[in-house]
C-alpha atoms as a PDB file:
ATOM      1  CA  MET A   1      84.206 101.900 133.253  1.00  0.00           C
ATOM      2  CA  LYS A   2      84.951 104.863 135.056  1.00  0.00           C
ATOM      3  CA  ALA A   3      85.040 108.165 133.834  1.00  0.00           C
ATOM      4  CA  LYS A   4      88.218 110.165 133.025  1.00  0.00           C
ATOM      5  CA  PRO A   5      89.575 112.787 135.532  1.00  0.00           C
ATOM      6  CA  MET A   6      90.275 114.791 132.273  1.00  0.00           C
ATOM      7  CA  GLN A   7      90.650 118.255 134.646  1.00  0.00           C
ATOM      8  CA  THR A   8      92.907 116.289 137.375  1.00  0.00           C
ATOM      9  CA  GLY A   9      94.011 113.212 135.700  1.00  0.00           C
ATOM     10  CA  TYR A  10      95.599 114.881 132.771  1.00  0.00           C
ATOM     11  CA  ALA A  11      96.539 118.348 134.220  1.00  0.00           C
ATOM     12  CA  ARG A  12      99.791 118.644 133.292  1.00  0.00           C
ATOM     13  CA  GLN A  13      99.111 118.023 129.673  1.00  0.00           C
ATOM     14  CA  THR A  14      96.223 119.960 128.982  1.00  0.00           C
ATOM     15  CA  VAL A  15      98.721 123.407 130.358  1.00  0.00           C
ATOM     16  CA  LEU A  16     100.953 122.339 127.865  1.00  0.00           C
ATOM     17  CA  ARG A  17     100.895 124.459 124.518  1.00  0.00           C
ATOM     18  CA  GLU A  18     101.667 121.671 122.210  1.00  0.00           C
ATOM     19  CA  ILE A  19      98.783 119.539 123.448  1.00  0.00           C
ATOM     20  CA  GLY A  20      95.811 121.184 125.819  1.00  0.00           C
ATOM     21  CA  GLN A  21      92.147 120.582 126.472  1.00  0.00           C
ATOM     22  CA  ALA A  22      91.259 120.041 122.725  1.00  0.00           C
ATOM     23  CA  ASP A  23      94.181 117.763 122.169  1.00  0.00           C
ATOM     24  CA  GLN A  24      94.073 115.803 125.403  1.00  0.00           C
ATOM     25  CA  ARG A  25      90.258 114.968 124.041  1.00  0.00           C
ATOM     26  CA  MET A  26      92.032 113.561 120.540  1.00  0.00           C
ATOM     27  CA  ILE A  27      94.227 111.615 122.429  1.00  0.00           C
ATOM     28  CA  ASP A  28      91.222 110.013 124.397  1.00  0.00           C
ATOM     29  CA  GLY A  29      88.842 109.665 120.933  1.00  0.00           C
ATOM     30  CA  SER A  30      92.212 107.349 119.474  1.00  0.00           C
ATOM     31  CA  THR A  31      93.207 104.010 119.235  1.00  0.00           C
ATOM     32  CA  ALA A  32      96.742 102.593 119.958  1.00  0.00           C
ATOM     33  CA  VAL A  33      97.767  99.356 118.281  1.00  0.00           C
ATOM     34  CA  ILE A  34     100.764  97.628 120.383  1.00  0.00           C
ATOM     35  CA  ALA A  35     102.323  95.312 117.948  1.00  0.00           C
ATOM     36  CA  GLY A  36     104.602  93.068 120.372  1.00  0.00           C
ATOM     37  CA  LEU A  37     104.442  93.585 124.067  1.00  0.00           C
ATOM     38  CA  GLY A  38     108.234  92.678 124.423  1.00  0.00           C
ATOM     39  CA  ALA A  39     110.447  96.071 126.473  1.00  0.00           C
ATOM     40  CA  LEU A  40     109.439  98.309 123.634  1.00  0.00           C
ATOM     41  CA  GLY A  41     105.880  97.382 123.657  1.00  0.00           C
ATOM     42  CA  ALA A  42     105.120  97.254 127.139  1.00  0.00           C
ATOM     43  CA  ASN A  43     107.250 100.692 128.072  1.00  0.00           C
ATOM     44  CA  SER A  44     104.676 102.049 125.203  1.00  0.00           C
ATOM     45  CA  ALA A  45     101.671 100.880 126.082  1.00  0.00           C
ATOM     46  CA  ASN A  46     102.255 102.029 129.885  1.00  0.00           C
ATOM     47  CA  LEU A  47     103.205 105.150 128.945  1.00  0.00           C
ATOM     48  CA  LEU A  48      99.882 105.652 126.519  1.00  0.00           C
ATOM     49  CA  ALA A  49      97.933 104.348 129.023  1.00  0.00           C
ATOM     50  CA  ARG A  50      99.540 106.966 131.159  1.00  0.00           C
ATOM     51  CA  ALA A  51      99.151 109.456 128.755  1.00  0.00           C
ATOM     52  CA  GLY A  52      95.186 108.829 128.345  1.00  0.00           C
ATOM     53  CA  VAL A  53      94.670 107.134 124.760  1.00  0.00           C
ATOM     54  CA  GLY A  54      91.587 105.755 124.665  1.00  0.00           C
ATOM     55  CA  THR A  55      91.637 102.142 123.466  1.00  0.00           C
ATOM     56  CA  LEU A  56      95.078 100.362 123.648  1.00  0.00           C
ATOM     57  CA  ARG A  57      94.988  97.431 121.402  1.00  0.00           C
ATOM     58  CA  LEU A  58      97.579  94.845 123.011  1.00  0.00           C
ATOM     59  CA  VAL A  59      98.839  92.532 120.440  1.00  0.00           C
ATOM     60  CA  ASP A  60     101.462  89.044 121.358  1.00  0.00           C
ATOM     61  CA  ARG A  61     101.055  85.652 120.931  1.00  0.00           C
ATOM     62  CA  ASP A  62     103.759  84.642 123.832  1.00  0.00           C
ATOM     63  CA  ILE A  63     103.104  83.873 127.315  1.00  0.00           C
ATOM     64  CA  VAL A  64     104.937  85.347 129.905  1.00  0.00           C
ATOM     65  CA  ASP A  65     108.484  83.716 130.785  1.00  0.00           C
ATOM     66  CA  TRP A  66     110.834  84.284 133.834  1.00  0.00           C
ATOM     67  CA  THR A  67     113.193  85.606 131.770  1.00  0.00           C
ATOM     68  CA  ASN A  68     110.735  88.495 131.012  1.00  0.00           C
ATOM     69  CA  LEU A  69     110.255  90.112 134.048  1.00  0.00           C
ATOM     70  CA  GLN A  70     113.720  92.234 134.471  1.00  0.00           C
ATOM     71  CA  ARG A  71     112.952  94.355 131.389  1.00  0.00           C
ATOM     72  CA  GLN A  72     109.755  94.075 130.687  1.00  0.00           C
ATOM     73  CA  SER A  73     107.608  96.633 133.284  1.00  0.00           C
ATOM     74  CA  LEU A  74     104.062  94.916 132.248  1.00  0.00           C
ATOM     75  CA  PHE A  75     104.325  91.476 134.039  1.00  0.00           C
ATOM     76  CA  GLU A  76     105.111  90.315 137.084  1.00  0.00           C
ATOM     77  CA  GLU A  77     106.408  87.185 139.031  1.00  0.00           C
ATOM     78  CA  GLU A  78     102.547  85.875 139.216  1.00  0.00           C
ATOM     79  CA  ASP A  79     102.037  86.156 135.343  1.00  0.00           C
ATOM     80  CA  ALA A  80     105.166  83.988 134.745  1.00  0.00           C
ATOM     81  CA  VAL A  81     104.130  81.479 137.281  1.00  0.00           C
ATOM     82  CA  GLN A  82     100.373  81.241 135.457  1.00  0.00           C
ATOM     83  CA  SER A  83     102.159  81.326 132.540  1.00  0.00           C
ATOM     84  CA  LEU A  84      99.560  83.980 131.176  1.00  0.00           C
ATOM     85  CA  PRO A  85      99.568  85.286 127.724  1.00  0.00           C
ATOM     86  CA  LYS A  86     101.296  88.560 127.263  1.00  0.00           C
ATOM     87  CA  ALA A  87      98.504  90.270 126.080  1.00  0.00           C
ATOM     88  CA  GLU A  88      96.174  89.034 128.831  1.00  0.00           C
ATOM     89  CA  ALA A  89      98.844  90.136 131.344  1.00  0.00           C
ATOM     90  CA  ALA A  90      99.321  93.634 129.939  1.00  0.00           C
ATOM     91  CA  ALA A  91      95.548  94.244 130.066  1.00  0.00           C
ATOM     92  CA  ARG A  92      95.417  92.996 133.099  1.00  0.00           C
ATOM     93  CA  TYR A  93      98.149  95.384 134.971  1.00  0.00           C
ATOM     94  CA  LEU A  94      97.181  98.497 132.693  1.00  0.00           C
ATOM     95  CA  LYS A  95      93.712  98.529 134.212  1.00  0.00           C
ATOM     96  CA  ARG A  96      95.230  98.914 137.898  1.00  0.00           C
ATOM     97  CA  VAL A  97      96.901 102.370 135.937  1.00  0.00           C
ATOM     98  CA  SER A  98      93.947 103.738 134.155  1.00  0.00           C
ATOM     99  CA  SER A  99      90.779 101.887 134.540  1.00  0.00           C
ATOM    100  CA  ALA A 100      88.940 104.398 132.402  1.00  0.00           C
ATOM    101  CA  ILE A 101      91.032 102.810 129.123  1.00  0.00           C
ATOM    102  CA  ARG A 102      89.390 100.505 126.492  1.00  0.00           C
ATOM    103  CA  TYR A 103      91.785  97.321 126.715  1.00  0.00           C
ATOM    104  CA  GLU A 104      91.952  95.133 124.062  1.00  0.00           C
ATOM    105  CA  PRO A 105      93.985  92.051 124.619  1.00  0.00           C
ATOM    106  CA  ILE A 106      94.927  90.229 121.438  1.00  0.00           C
ATOM    107  CA  THR A 107      96.588  86.972 121.616  1.00  0.00           C
ATOM    108  CA  GLU A 108      97.788  86.277 118.204  1.00  0.00           C
ATOM    109  CA  ASP A 109     100.572  86.019 115.915  1.00  0.00           C
ATOM    110  CA  PHE A 110     101.045  89.663 114.098  1.00  0.00           C
ATOM    111  CA  ASN A 111     100.771  88.024 110.468  1.00  0.00           C
ATOM    112  CA  PRO A 112      99.348  89.304 106.779  1.00  0.00           C
ATOM    113  CA  GLY A 113      96.460  87.282 107.405  1.00  0.00           C
ATOM    114  CA  ASN A 114      95.268  89.092 110.669  1.00  0.00           C
ATOM    115  CA  ILE A 115      96.953  92.506 110.200  1.00  0.00           C
ATOM    116  CA  GLU A 116      94.096  94.343 108.602  1.00  0.00           C
ATOM    117  CA  ARG A 117      91.752  93.315 111.023  1.00  0.00           C
ATOM    118  CA  ILE A 118      93.867  94.748 114.064  1.00  0.00           C
ATOM    119  CA  VAL A 119      94.877  98.049 112.625  1.00  0.00           C
ATOM    120  CA  THR A 120      91.188  98.718 111.342  1.00  0.00           C
ATOM    121  CA  GLY A 121      90.334 101.963 113.301  1.00  0.00           C
ATOM    122  CA  ALA A 122      93.756 102.519 114.928  1.00  0.00           C
ATOM    123  CA  THR A 123      95.295 105.794 115.028  1.00  0.00           C
ATOM    124  CA  VAL A 124      98.827 105.211 115.794  1.00  0.00           C
ATOM    125  CA  VAL A 125     100.851 101.691 115.548  1.00  0.00           C
ATOM    126  CA  VAL A 126     103.519 101.090 117.761  1.00  0.00           C
ATOM    127  CA  ASP A 127     105.828  98.108 116.279  1.00  0.00           C
ATOM    128  CA  GLY A 128     107.613  96.325 119.377  1.00  0.00           C
ATOM    129  CA  LEU A 129     107.987  93.225 117.401  1.00  0.00           C
ATOM    130  CA  ASP A 130     110.837  91.268 118.040  1.00  0.00           C
ATOM    131  CA  ASN A 131     110.505  88.939 114.783  1.00  0.00           C
ATOM    132  CA  PHE A 132     112.519  89.928 111.927  1.00  0.00           C
ATOM    133  CA  ASN A 133     110.082  88.498 109.254  1.00  0.00           C
ATOM    134  CA  THR A 134     107.454  90.616 110.859  1.00  0.00           C
ATOM    135  CA  ARG A 135     109.440  93.659 111.326  1.00  0.00           C
ATOM    136  CA  ALA A 136     108.436  95.539 108.360  1.00  0.00           C
ATOM    137  CA  LEU A 137     104.886  93.788 108.018  1.00  0.00           C
ATOM    138  CA  PRO A 138     103.138  97.108 109.807  1.00  0.00           C
ATOM    139  CA  THR A 139     104.812  99.294 107.640  1.00  0.00           C
ATOM    140  CA  ARG A 140     104.230  97.958 104.568  1.00  0.00           C
ATOM    141  CA  HIS A 141     100.816  97.081 104.994  1.00  0.00           C
ATOM    142  CA  ALA A 142     100.350 100.594 106.053  1.00  0.00           C
ATOM    143  CA  SER A 143     101.678 101.829 102.714  1.00  0.00           C
ATOM    144  CA  SER A 144      99.352  99.449 100.465  1.00  0.00           C
ATOM    145  CA  MET A 145      96.119 100.249 102.549  1.00  0.00           C
ATOM    146  CA  GLU A 146      96.899 104.147 102.687  1.00  0.00           C
ATOM    147  CA  PHE A 147      96.915 104.153 106.458  1.00  0.00           C
ATOM    148  CA  PRO A 148      95.418 107.535 107.358  1.00  0.00           C
ATOM    149  CA  GLY A 149      97.208 107.153 111.248  1.00  0.00           C
ATOM    150  CA  SER A 150     100.778 107.210 112.235  1.00  0.00           C
ATOM    151  CA  MET A 151     103.586 104.582 112.675  1.00  0.00           C
ATOM    152  CA  ALA A 152     105.872 104.316 115.513  1.00  0.00           C
ATOM    153  CA  ARG A 153     109.473 101.873 115.607  1.00  0.00           C
ATOM    154  CA  ALA A 154     112.486 102.848 117.640  1.00  0.00           C
ATOM    155  CA  SER A 155     114.737 101.081 114.827  1.00  0.00           C
ATOM    156  CA  GLU A 156     114.289  99.363 111.991  1.00  0.00           C
ATOM    157  CA  PRO A 157     115.330  95.901 110.807  1.00  0.00           C
ATOM    158  CA  MET A 158     118.758  95.425 110.019  1.00  0.00           C
ATOM    159  CA  GLY A 159     119.973  96.640 107.011  1.00  0.00           C
ATOM    160  CA  ALA A 160     116.577  98.311 106.638  1.00  0.00           C
ATOM    161  CA  PRO A 161     116.778 102.449 105.227  1.00  0.00           C
ATOM    162  CA  PRO A 162     115.209 104.617 108.020  1.00  0.00           C
ATOM    163  CA  ARG A 163     111.978 105.596 107.629  1.00  0.00           C
ATOM    164  CA  SER A 164     110.272 108.842 109.435  1.00  0.00           C
ATOM    165  CA  PHE A 165     108.248 108.754 112.305  1.00  0.00           C
ATOM    166  CA  ARG A 166     105.231 110.729 112.769  1.00  0.00           C
ATOM    167  CA  GLY A 167     103.739 110.630 116.332  1.00  0.00           C
ATOM    168  CA  PHE A 168      99.504 111.887 116.930  1.00  0.00           C
ATOM    169  CA  ARG A 169      98.717 114.321 114.498  1.00  0.00           C
ATOM    170  CA  ARG A 170      96.234 116.673 113.625  1.00  0.00           C
ATOM    171  CA  ALA A 171      93.338 115.410 112.030  1.00  0.00           C
END
């Protein structure tokens, strides 16, 4: 793994009063779980890699399909030709964006039987799930285990009351 060029690569972030060098080090030491690598998850993973998150745990059970290519920015035609698992294809793509990050591709269904193992040690969990039955799983699990990190989702399941969003927070 290459050393992160913190002084140059993240210079735009470290000069911001809201981030600075101390918070950039916190981002560097964090682990983000991206549950679902569709359009929302793919873009979230891309932005977190470019922000310098230390570890990206990429979770999706699906393979790359031709219908994914127009909206899921981490995948390329060759991934569809090879029917690569989305988690593997995403990690491969993101390593070209930032080789200093640790990538943990997980090609599994996100379910009650594996959620604790997957989210353990995470600083933030991004819900990019597209399955109605699993959409509430991260929030429900975080509540039951008193998850110390943050949860992020773009929208709630249909009919569910809105929940608050908390981004990275200072310890």
